[in-house]
Amino acid sequence: MKLSVSLSARNQIPGTLKDIKKGQTTSHLKIDIGGHIVTASITNEAVDDLQLKIGDSVWAIIKASDVMVAK
């Protein structure tokens, strides 16, 4: 699967949509990328516009200046 748009983000990872949990305004999506789960938060409107459903092939596109983890 190849992404058919050009983006400045270098981290474009194909995966499979495993779960969608809709809140009042924001949905939390679980994307399986090779056995690892990435969670994305997007608007409910975006979920509807993209017609996302569990099992869809999707892209996790990551553009961040920092990733912080603490324990």
PDB file of N, CA and C in Angstrom:
ATOM      1  N   MET A   1       0.852  -1.176   0.000  1.00  0.00           N
ATOM      2  CA  MET A   1       0.000   0.000   0.000  1.00  0.00           C
ATOM      3  C   MET A   1       0.895   1.235   0.000  1.00  0.00           C
ATOM      4  N   LYS A   2       0.626   2.186  -0.896  1.00  0.00           N
ATOM      5  CA  LYS A   2       1.414   3.407  -0.983  1.00  0.00           C
ATOM      6  C   LYS A   2       0.500   4.596  -0.766  1.00  0.00           C
ATOM      7  N   LEU A   3       0.951   5.536   0.040  1.00  0.00           N
ATOM      8  CA  LEU A   3       0.195   6.754   0.282  1.00  0.00           C
ATOM      9  C   LEU A   3       0.230   7.604  -0.978  1.00  0.00           C
ATOM     10  N   SER A   4      -0.926   8.094  -1.424  1.00  0.00           N
ATOM     11  CA  SER A   4      -1.002   8.776  -2.714  1.00  0.00           C
ATOM     12  C   SER A   4      -1.004  10.302  -2.613  1.00  0.00           C
ATOM     13  N   VAL A   5      -0.529  10.843  -1.490  1.00  0.00           N
ATOM     14  CA  VAL A   5      -0.367  12.288  -1.349  1.00  0.00           C
ATOM     15  C   VAL A   5       1.060  12.555  -0.891  1.00  0.00           C
ATOM     16  N   SER A   6       1.527  13.771  -1.113  1.00  0.00           N
ATOM     17  CA  SER A   6       2.868  14.141  -0.648  1.00  0.00           C
ATOM     18  C   SER A   6       2.747  14.887   0.676  1.00  0.00           C
ATOM     19  N   LEU A   7       3.557  14.484   1.631  1.00  0.00           N
ATOM     20  CA  LEU A   7       3.552  15.109   2.953  1.00  0.00           C
ATOM     21  C   LEU A   7       4.971  15.412   3.391  1.00  0.00           C
ATOM     22  N   SER A   8       5.118  16.417   4.257  1.00  0.00           N
ATOM     23  CA  SER A   8       6.438  16.709   4.801  1.00  0.00           C
ATOM     24  C   SER A   8       6.813  15.718   5.908  1.00  0.00           C
ATOM     25  N   ALA A   9       5.829  15.096   6.526  1.00  0.00           N
ATOM     26  CA  ALA A   9       6.097  14.126   7.588  1.00  0.00           C
ATOM     27  C   ALA A   9       6.807  12.907   6.996  1.00  0.00           C
ATOM     28  N   ARG A  10       7.924  12.530   7.580  1.00  0.00           N
ATOM     29  CA  ARG A  10       8.700  11.388   7.092  1.00  0.00           C
ATOM     30  C   ARG A  10       8.210  10.073   7.658  1.00  0.00           C
ATOM     31  N   ASN A  11       7.561  10.100   8.796  1.00  0.00           N
ATOM     32  CA  ASN A  11       7.125   8.869   9.456  1.00  0.00           C
ATOM     33  C   ASN A  11       5.711   8.523   9.020  1.00  0.00           C
ATOM     34  N   GLN A  12       5.600   7.812   7.912  1.00  0.00           N
ATOM     35  CA  GLN A  12       4.324   7.395   7.340  1.00  0.00           C
ATOM     36  C   GLN A  12       4.268   5.871   7.420  1.00  0.00           C
ATOM     37  N   ILE A  13       3.476   5.368   8.368  1.00  0.00           N
ATOM     38  CA  ILE A  13       3.501   3.947   8.681  1.00  0.00           C
ATOM     39  C   ILE A  13       2.141   3.313   8.363  1.00  0.00           C
ATOM     40  N   PRO A  14       2.100   2.348   7.451  1.00  0.00           N
ATOM     41  CA  PRO A  14       0.823   1.692   7.149  1.00  0.00           C
ATOM     42  C   PRO A  14       0.425   0.745   8.275  1.00  0.00           C
ATOM     43  N   GLY A  15      -0.878   0.635   8.484  1.00  0.00           N
ATOM     44  CA  GLY A  15      -1.373  -0.251   9.524  1.00  0.00           C
ATOM     45  C   GLY A  15      -2.830  -0.601   9.303  1.00  0.00           C
ATOM     46  N   THR A  16      -3.393  -1.270  10.294  1.00  0.00           N
ATOM     47  CA  THR A  16      -4.788  -1.696  10.255  1.00  0.00           C
ATOM     48  C   THR A  16      -5.519  -1.118  11.447  1.00  0.00           C
ATOM     49  N   LEU A  17      -6.667  -0.508  11.193  1.00  0.00           N
ATOM     50  CA  LEU A  17      -7.464   0.091  12.252  1.00  0.00           C
ATOM     51  C   LEU A  17      -8.123  -1.008  13.074  1.00  0.00           C
ATOM     52  N   LYS A  18      -7.802  -1.062  14.362  1.00  0.00           N
ATOM     53  CA  LYS A  18      -8.278  -2.134  15.237  1.00  0.00           C
ATOM     54  C   LYS A  18      -9.411  -1.708  16.158  1.00  0.00           C
ATOM     55  N   ASP A  19      -9.496  -0.399  16.499  1.00  0.00           N
ATOM     56  CA  ASP A  19     -10.526   0.039  17.443  1.00  0.00           C
ATOM     57  C   ASP A  19     -10.783   1.525  17.267  1.00  0.00           C
ATOM     58  N   ILE A  20     -12.038   1.916  17.454  1.00  0.00           N
ATOM     59  CA  ILE A  20     -12.443   3.323  17.448  1.00  0.00           C
ATOM     60  C   ILE A  20     -13.305   3.539  18.682  1.00  0.00           C
ATOM     61  N   LYS A  21     -12.871   4.467  19.545  1.00  0.00           N
ATOM     62  CA  LYS A  21     -13.678   4.828  20.709  1.00  0.00           C
ATOM     63  C   LYS A  21     -14.031   6.300  20.585  1.00  0.00           C
ATOM     64  N   LYS A  22     -15.317   6.571  20.309  1.00  0.00           N
ATOM     65  CA  LYS A  22     -15.770   7.950  20.141  1.00  0.00           C
ATOM     66  C   LYS A  22     -16.132   8.560  21.486  1.00  0.00           C
ATOM     67  N   GLY A  23     -15.630   9.758  21.724  1.00  0.00           N
ATOM     68  CA  GLY A  23     -16.026  10.551  22.878  1.00  0.00           C
ATOM     69  C   GLY A  23     -16.982  11.631  22.409  1.00  0.00           C
ATOM     70  N   GLN A  24     -17.130  12.686  23.218  1.00  0.00           N
ATOM     71  CA  GLN A  24     -18.053  13.761  22.843  1.00  0.00           C
ATOM     72  C   GLN A  24     -17.599  14.494  21.594  1.00  0.00           C
ATOM     73  N   THR A  25     -16.290  14.768  21.503  1.00  0.00           N
ATOM     74  CA  THR A  25     -15.774  15.509  20.344  1.00  0.00           C
ATOM     75  C   THR A  25     -14.596  14.821  19.667  1.00  0.00           C
ATOM     76  N   THR A  26     -13.925  13.923  20.397  1.00  0.00           N
ATOM     77  CA  THR A  26     -12.685  13.313  19.927  1.00  0.00           C
ATOM     78  C   THR A  26     -12.807  11.791  19.936  1.00  0.00           C
ATOM     79  N   SER A  27     -12.241  11.179  18.920  1.00  0.00           N
ATOM     80  CA  SER A  27     -12.173   9.719  18.856  1.00  0.00           C
ATOM     81  C   SER A  27     -10.740   9.266  19.097  1.00  0.00           C
ATOM     82  N   HIS A  28     -10.589   8.127  19.764  1.00  0.00           N
ATOM     83  CA  HIS A  28      -9.279   7.511  19.977  1.00  0.00           C
ATOM     84  C   HIS A  28      -9.241   6.256  19.123  1.00  0.00           C
ATOM     85  N   LEU A  29      -8.262   6.206  18.231  1.00  0.00           N
ATOM     86  CA  LEU A  29      -8.124   5.095  17.305  1.00  0.00           C
ATOM     87  C   LEU A  29      -6.912   4.256  17.679  1.00  0.00           C
ATOM     88  N   LYS A  30      -7.043   2.949  17.609  1.00  0.00           N
ATOM     89  CA  LYS A  30      -5.934   2.017  17.810  1.00  0.00           C
ATOM     90  C   LYS A  30      -5.556   1.460  16.447  1.00  0.00           C
ATOM     91  N   ILE A  31      -4.287   1.660  16.067  1.00  0.00           N
ATOM     92  CA  ILE A  31      -3.789   1.212  14.768  1.00  0.00           C
ATOM     93  C   ILE A  31      -2.699   0.181  15.001  1.00  0.00           C
ATOM     94  N   ASP A  32      -2.868  -0.998  14.403  1.00  0.00           N
ATOM     95  CA  ASP A  32      -1.877  -2.062  14.506  1.00  0.00           C
ATOM     96  C   ASP A  32      -0.847  -1.870  13.397  1.00  0.00           C
ATOM     97  N   ILE A  33       0.409  -1.648  13.815  1.00  0.00           N
ATOM     98  CA  ILE A  33       1.497  -1.518  12.841  1.00  0.00           C
ATOM     99  C   ILE A  33       2.505  -2.631  13.134  1.00  0.00           C
ATOM    100  N   GLY A  34       2.326  -3.735  12.473  1.00  0.00           N
ATOM    101  CA  GLY A  34       3.240  -4.860  12.632  1.00  0.00           C
ATOM    102  C   GLY A  34       3.250  -5.463  14.018  1.00  0.00           C
ATOM    103  N   GLY A  35       2.092  -5.541  14.646  1.00  0.00           N
ATOM    104  CA  GLY A  35       1.999  -6.126  15.980  1.00  0.00           C
ATOM    105  C   GLY A  35       2.150  -5.118  17.107  1.00  0.00           C
ATOM    106  N   HIS A  36       2.463  -3.879  16.784  1.00  0.00           N
ATOM    107  CA  HIS A  36       2.540  -2.804  17.776  1.00  0.00           C
ATOM    108  C   HIS A  36       1.337  -1.897  17.573  1.00  0.00           C
ATOM    109  N   ILE A  37       0.773  -1.396  18.673  1.00  0.00           N
ATOM    110  CA  ILE A  37      -0.409  -0.540  18.593  1.00  0.00           C
ATOM    111  C   ILE A  37      -0.005   0.916  18.777  1.00  0.00           C
ATOM    112  N   VAL A  38      -0.444   1.751  17.841  1.00  0.00           N
ATOM    113  CA  VAL A  38      -0.291   3.203  17.928  1.00  0.00           C
ATOM    114  C   VAL A  38      -1.681   3.768  18.185  1.00  0.00           C
ATOM    115  N   THR A  39      -1.789   4.695  19.138  1.00  0.00           N
ATOM    116  CA  THR A  39      -3.060   5.348  19.428  1.00  0.00           C
ATOM    117  C   THR A  39      -3.053   6.747  18.850  1.00  0.00           C
ATOM    118  N   ALA A  40      -4.108   7.091  18.137  1.00  0.00           N
ATOM    119  CA  ALA A  40      -4.250   8.429  17.568  1.00  0.00           C
ATOM    120  C   ALA A  40      -5.539   9.055  18.087  1.00  0.00           C
ATOM    121  N   SER A  41      -5.505  10.354  18.338  1.00  0.00           N
ATOM    122  CA  SER A  41      -6.696  11.105  18.732  1.00  0.00           C
ATOM    123  C   SER A  41      -7.045  12.047  17.596  1.00  0.00           C
ATOM    124  N   ILE A  42      -8.239  11.882  17.045  1.00  0.00           N
ATOM    125  CA  ILE A  42      -8.706  12.759  15.970  1.00  0.00           C
ATOM    126  C   ILE A  42     -10.155  13.146  16.257  1.00  0.00           C
ATOM    127  N   THR A  43     -10.654  14.155  15.578  1.00  0.00           N
ATOM    128  CA  THR A  43     -12.027  14.581  15.814  1.00  0.00           C
ATOM    129  C   THR A  43     -13.017  13.539  15.309  1.00  0.00           C
ATOM    130  N   ASN A  44     -14.184  13.525  15.923  1.00  0.00           N
ATOM    131  CA  ASN A  44     -15.265  12.657  15.450  1.00  0.00           C
ATOM    132  C   ASN A  44     -15.633  13.015  14.010  1.00  0.00           C
ATOM    133  N   GLU A  45     -15.572  14.301  13.692  1.00  0.00           N
ATOM    134  CA  GLU A  45     -15.876  14.749  12.337  1.00  0.00           C
ATOM    135  C   GLU A  45     -14.908  14.119  11.325  1.00  0.00           C
ATOM    136  N   ALA A  46     -13.617  14.029  11.688  1.00  0.00           N
ATOM    137  CA  ALA A  46     -12.627  13.419  10.798  1.00  0.00           C
ATOM    138  C   ALA A  46     -12.914  11.931  10.613  1.00  0.00           C
ATOM    139  N   VAL A  47     -13.310  11.245  11.678  1.00  0.00           N
ATOM    140  CA  VAL A  47     -13.667   9.821  11.570  1.00  0.00           C
ATOM    141  C   VAL A  47     -14.814   9.655  10.575  1.00  0.00           C
ATOM    142  N   ASP A  48     -15.818  10.526  10.698  1.00  0.00           N
ATOM    143  CA  ASP A  48     -16.977  10.447   9.802  1.00  0.00           C
ATOM    144  C   ASP A  48     -16.592  10.805   8.367  1.00  0.00           C
ATOM    145  N   ASP A  49     -15.811  11.890   8.195  1.00  0.00           N
ATOM    146  CA  ASP A  49     -15.415  12.326   6.851  1.00  0.00           C
ATOM    147  C   ASP A  49     -14.604  11.249   6.132  1.00  0.00           C
ATOM    148  N   LEU A  50     -13.717  10.562   6.872  1.00  0.00           N
ATOM    149  CA  LEU A  50     -12.882   9.511   6.292  1.00  0.00           C
ATOM    150  C   LEU A  50     -13.619   8.175   6.196  1.00  0.00           C
ATOM    151  N   GLN A  51     -14.821   8.126   6.757  1.00  0.00           N
ATOM    152  CA  GLN A  51     -15.633   6.904   6.781  1.00  0.00           C
ATOM    153  C   GLN A  51     -14.831   5.732   7.345  1.00  0.00           C
ATOM    154  N   LEU A  52     -14.141   5.994   8.464  1.00  0.00           N
ATOM    155  CA  LEU A  52     -13.288   4.977   9.069  1.00  0.00           C
ATOM    156  C   LEU A  52     -14.116   3.890   9.735  1.00  0.00           C
ATOM    157  N   LYS A  53     -13.628   2.651   9.583  1.00  0.00           N
ATOM    158  CA  LYS A  53     -14.248   1.522  10.265  1.00  0.00           C
ATOM    159  C   LYS A  53     -13.170   0.501  10.620  1.00  0.00           C
ATOM    160  N   ILE A  54     -13.439  -0.259  11.645  1.00  0.00           N
ATOM    161  CA  ILE A  54     -12.491  -1.269  12.101  1.00  0.00           C
ATOM    162  C   ILE A  54     -12.175  -2.216  10.951  1.00  0.00           C
ATOM    163  N   GLY A  55     -10.876  -2.514  10.788  1.00  0.00           N
ATOM    164  CA  GLY A  55     -10.418  -3.391   9.715  1.00  0.00           C
ATOM    165  C   GLY A  55      -9.868  -2.634   8.521  1.00  0.00           C
ATOM    166  N   ASP A  56     -10.114  -1.300   8.474  1.00  0.00           N
ATOM    167  CA  ASP A  56      -9.596  -0.501   7.359  1.00  0.00           C
ATOM    168  C   ASP A  56      -8.068  -0.469   7.361  1.00  0.00           C
ATOM    169  N   SER A  57      -7.488  -0.428   6.169  1.00  0.00           N
ATOM    170  CA  SER A  57      -6.068  -0.139   6.020  1.00  0.00           C
ATOM    171  C   SER A  57      -5.912   1.375   6.110  1.00  0.00           C
ATOM    172  N   VAL A  58      -5.055   1.826   7.018  1.00  0.00           N
ATOM    173  CA  VAL A  58      -4.863   3.259   7.258  1.00  0.00           C
ATOM    174  C   VAL A  58      -3.377   3.557   7.368  1.00  0.00           C
ATOM    175  N   TRP A  59      -3.048   4.833   7.451  1.00  0.00           N
ATOM    176  CA  TRP A  59      -1.675   5.278   7.660  1.00  0.00           C
ATOM    177  C   TRP A  59      -1.588   6.012   8.988  1.00  0.00           C
ATOM    178  N   ALA A  60      -0.601   5.678   9.809  1.00  0.00           N
ATOM    179  CA  ALA A  60      -0.253   6.479  10.982  1.00  0.00           C
ATOM    180  C   ALA A  60       0.835   7.435  10.495  1.00  0.00           C
ATOM    181  N   ILE A  61       0.516   8.711  10.463  1.00  0.00           N
ATOM    182  CA  ILE A  61       1.469   9.720   9.992  1.00  0.00           C
ATOM    183  C   ILE A  61       1.887  10.529  11.210  1.00  0.00           C
ATOM    184  N   ILE A  62       3.163  10.423  11.555  1.00  0.00           N
ATOM    185  CA  ILE A  62       3.661  10.999  12.800  1.00  0.00           C
ATOM    186  C   ILE A  62       4.564  12.177  12.493  1.00  0.00           C
ATOM    187  N   LYS A  63       4.173  13.338  12.987  1.00  0.00           N
ATOM    188  CA  LYS A  63       4.967  14.557  12.814  1.00  0.00           C
ATOM    189  C   LYS A  63       5.064  15.190  14.199  1.00  0.00           C
ATOM    190  N   ALA A  64       6.199  15.062  14.817  1.00  0.00           N
ATOM    191  CA  ALA A  64       6.368  15.606  16.166  1.00  0.00           C
ATOM    192  C   ALA A  64       7.805  16.061  16.354  1.00  0.00           C
ATOM    193  N   SER A  65       7.960  17.143  17.063  1.00  0.00           N
ATOM    194  CA  SER A  65       9.318  17.614  17.355  1.00  0.00           C
ATOM    195  C   SER A  65       9.889  16.906  18.567  1.00  0.00           C
ATOM    196  N   ASP A  66       9.024  16.420  19.465  1.00  0.00           N
ATOM    197  CA  ASP A  66       9.469  15.740  20.691  1.00  0.00           C
ATOM    198  C   ASP A  66       8.602  14.528  20.959  1.00  0.00           C
ATOM    199  N   VAL A  67       9.198  13.525  21.532  1.00  0.00           N
ATOM    200  CA  VAL A  67       8.458  12.407  22.115  1.00  0.00           C
ATOM    201  C   VAL A  67       9.012  12.244  23.509  1.00  0.00           C
ATOM    202  N   MET A  68       8.149  12.412  24.521  1.00  0.00           N
ATOM    203  CA  MET A  68       8.602  12.300  25.912  1.00  0.00           C
ATOM    204  C   MET A  68       7.943  11.108  26.579  1.00  0.00           C
ATOM    205  N   VAL A  69       8.727  10.369  27.340  1.00  0.00           N
ATOM    206  CA  VAL A  69       8.231   9.242  28.098  1.00  0.00           C
ATOM    207  C   VAL A  69       8.850   9.318  29.480  1.00  0.00           C
ATOM    208  N   ALA A  70       8.033   9.086  30.504  1.00  0.00           N
ATOM    209  CA  ALA A  70       8.532   9.075  31.872  1.00  0.00           C
ATOM    210  C   ALA A  70       7.904   7.906  32.613  1.00  0.00           C
ATOM    211  N   LYS A  71       8.618   7.480  33.657  1.00  0.00           N
ATOM    212  CA  LYS A  71       8.061   6.395  34.461  1.00  0.00           C
ATOM    213  C   LYS A  71       8.298   6.705  35.919  1.00  0.00           C
TER     214      LYS A  71
END
